[in-house]
C-alpha atoms as a PDB file:
ATOM      1  CA  MET A   1     -19.378  -3.984   5.562  1.00  0.00           C
ATOM      2  CA  ILE A   2     -15.854  -3.013   6.595  1.00  0.00           C
ATOM      3  CA  ARG A   3     -14.288  -5.213   3.909  1.00  0.00           C
ATOM      4  CA  GLU A   4     -16.397  -3.579   1.210  1.00  0.00           C
ATOM      5  CA  ALA A   5     -15.467  -0.116   2.518  1.00  0.00           C
ATOM      6  CA  ILE A   6     -11.773  -1.031   2.386  1.00  0.00           C
ATOM      7  CA  ALA A   7     -12.151  -2.317  -1.178  1.00  0.00           C
ATOM      8  CA  LEU A   8     -14.046   0.824  -2.220  1.00  0.00           C
ATOM      9  CA  GLY A   9     -11.426   3.081  -0.625  1.00  0.00           C
ATOM     10  CA  ALA A  10      -8.629   1.202  -2.365  1.00  0.00           C
ATOM     11  CA  GLY A  11     -10.461   1.472  -5.671  1.00  0.00           C
ATOM     12  CA  LEU A  12     -10.943   5.208  -5.276  1.00  0.00           C
ATOM     13  CA  TYR A  13      -7.301   5.702  -4.335  1.00  0.00           C
ATOM     14  CA  VAL A  14      -6.148   3.604  -7.325  1.00  0.00           C
ATOM     15  CA  ALA A  15      -8.324   5.742  -9.613  1.00  0.00           C
ATOM     16  CA  LEU A  16      -6.864   8.907  -8.079  1.00  0.00           C
ATOM     17  CA  ILE A  17      -3.249   7.782  -8.399  1.00  0.00           C
ATOM     18  CA  PHE A  18      -3.758   6.733 -12.016  1.00  0.00           C
ATOM     19  CA  TYR A  19      -5.371  10.102 -12.748  1.00  0.00           C
ATOM     20  CA  GLN A  20      -2.325  11.802 -11.244  1.00  0.00           C
ATOM     21  CA  ALA A  21      -0.098   9.628 -13.420  1.00  0.00           C
ATOM     22  CA  LEU A  22      -2.001  10.807 -16.492  1.00  0.00           C
ATOM     23  CA  VAL A  23      -1.622  14.443 -15.443  1.00  0.00           C
ATOM     24  CA  TYR A  24       2.031  14.041 -14.355  1.00  0.00           C
ATOM     25  CA  PRO A  25       3.595  11.289 -16.521  1.00  0.00           C
ATOM     26  CA  PRO A  26       6.773  10.940 -14.387  1.00  0.00           C
ATOM     27  CA  LEU A  27       4.557   9.369 -11.698  1.00  0.00           C
ATOM     28  CA  GLY A  28       3.671   6.432 -13.968  1.00  0.00           C
ATOM     29  CA  GLY A  29       5.980   3.884 -12.338  1.00  0.00           C
ATOM     30  CA  GLU A  30       4.959   4.896  -8.849  1.00  0.00           C
ATOM     31  CA  ALA A  31       1.278   4.742  -9.807  1.00  0.00           C
ATOM     32  CA  LEU A  32       1.717   1.242 -11.179  1.00  0.00           C
ATOM     33  CA  VAL A  33       3.426  -0.053  -8.032  1.00  0.00           C
ATOM     34  CA  ILE A  34       0.912   1.605  -5.691  1.00  0.00           C
ATOM     35  CA  GLY A  35      -1.981   0.345  -7.797  1.00  0.00           C
ATOM     36  CA  ILE A  36      -0.728  -3.242  -7.702  1.00  0.00           C
ATOM     37  CA  VAL A  37      -0.147  -3.111  -3.935  1.00  0.00           C
ATOM     38  CA  LEU A  38      -3.565  -1.588  -3.212  1.00  0.00           C
ATOM     39  CA  ILE A  39      -5.407  -4.000  -5.487  1.00  0.00           C
ATOM     40  CA  GLY A  40      -3.580  -6.886  -3.822  1.00  0.00           C
ATOM     41  CA  ALA A  41      -4.417  -5.581  -0.358  1.00  0.00           C
ATOM     42  CA  ALA A  42      -8.078  -5.089  -1.211  1.00  0.00           C
ATOM     43  CA  ALA A  43      -8.242  -8.567  -2.742  1.00  0.00           C
ATOM     44  CA  CYS A  44      -6.701  -9.987   0.418  1.00  0.00           C
ATOM     45  CA  TYR A  45      -9.368  -8.334   2.587  1.00  0.00           C
ATOM     46  CA  LEU A  46     -12.115  -9.729   0.371  1.00  0.00           C
ATOM     47  CA  SER A  47     -10.696 -13.228   0.792  1.00  0.00           C
ATOM     48  CA  PRO A  48     -12.690 -15.572   3.027  1.00  0.00           C
ATOM     49  CA  LYS A  49      -9.413 -16.909   4.493  1.00  0.00           C
ATOM     50  CA  HIS A  50      -9.035 -14.975   7.741  1.00  0.00           C
ATOM     51  CA  ASP A  51      -5.651 -16.567   8.443  1.00  0.00           C
ATOM     52  CA  LEU A  52      -4.304 -15.088   5.208  1.00  0.00           C
ATOM     53  CA  VAL A  53      -5.635 -11.640   6.100  1.00  0.00           C
ATOM     54  CA  HIS A  54      -4.037 -11.829   9.558  1.00  0.00           C
ATOM     55  CA  ARG A  55      -0.689 -12.936   8.108  1.00  0.00           C
ATOM     56  CA  VAL A  56      -0.662 -10.155   5.504  1.00  0.00           C
ATOM     57  CA  GLU A  57      -1.590  -7.569   8.141  1.00  0.00           C
ATOM     58  CA  ALA A  58       1.274  -8.739  10.361  1.00  0.00           C
ATOM     59  CA  ILE A  59       3.759  -8.627   7.480  1.00  0.00           C
ATOM     60  CA  ALA A  60       2.610  -5.142   6.467  1.00  0.00           C
ATOM     61  CA  LEU A  61       2.789  -3.873  10.045  1.00  0.00           C
ATOM     62  CA  TRP A  62       6.298  -5.192  10.661  1.00  0.00           C
ATOM     63  CA  GLY A  63       7.404  -4.001   7.239  1.00  0.00           C
ATOM     64  CA  ALA A  64       6.248  -0.479   8.092  1.00  0.00           C
ATOM     65  CA  VAL A  65       7.975  -0.603  11.488  1.00  0.00           C
ATOM     66  CA  LEU A  66      11.254  -1.828   9.975  1.00  0.00           C
ATOM     67  CA  LEU A  67      11.144   0.761   7.180  1.00  0.00           C
ATOM     68  CA  PHE A  68      10.572   3.496   9.762  1.00  0.00           C
ATOM     69  CA  ALA A  69      13.520   2.206  11.799  1.00  0.00           C
ATOM     70  CA  LEU A  70      15.691   2.155   8.665  1.00  0.00           C
ATOM     71  CA  TYR A  71      14.646   5.715   7.845  1.00  0.00           C
ATOM     72  CA  ALA A  72      15.489   6.850  11.391  1.00  0.00           C
ATOM     73  CA  ALA A  73      18.892   5.139  11.255  1.00  0.00           C
ATOM     74  CA  LEU A  74      19.704   6.738   7.908  1.00  0.00           C
ATOM     75  CA  LYS A  75      18.536  10.132   9.153  1.00  0.00           C
ATOM     76  CA  ILE A  76      20.609   9.871  12.340  1.00  0.00           C
ATOM     77  CA  GLY A  77      23.613   8.629  10.352  1.00  0.00           C
ATOM     78  CA  GLY A  78      23.483  11.672   8.101  1.00  0.00           C
ATOM     79  CA  VAL A  79      22.778   9.718   4.904  1.00  0.00           C
ATOM     80  CA  LEU A  80      19.423  11.466   4.406  1.00  0.00           C
END
């Protein structure tokens, strides 16, 4: 049930971002990247391989943490 809800949410968000790209054409590249990432994430959750799902979750979590740390360092350093 949760996997299907995640896939449905990703599908709705992909539809929304592509609609925004149609309304605001400069968002086309961003919409494409976000769409690919969300479709890949939803496909991963629908996979029967739980080890793969766990590995992707760990990579995404640490990626988010490291990007936040990079943002903080750049903000403190005065670059942003």
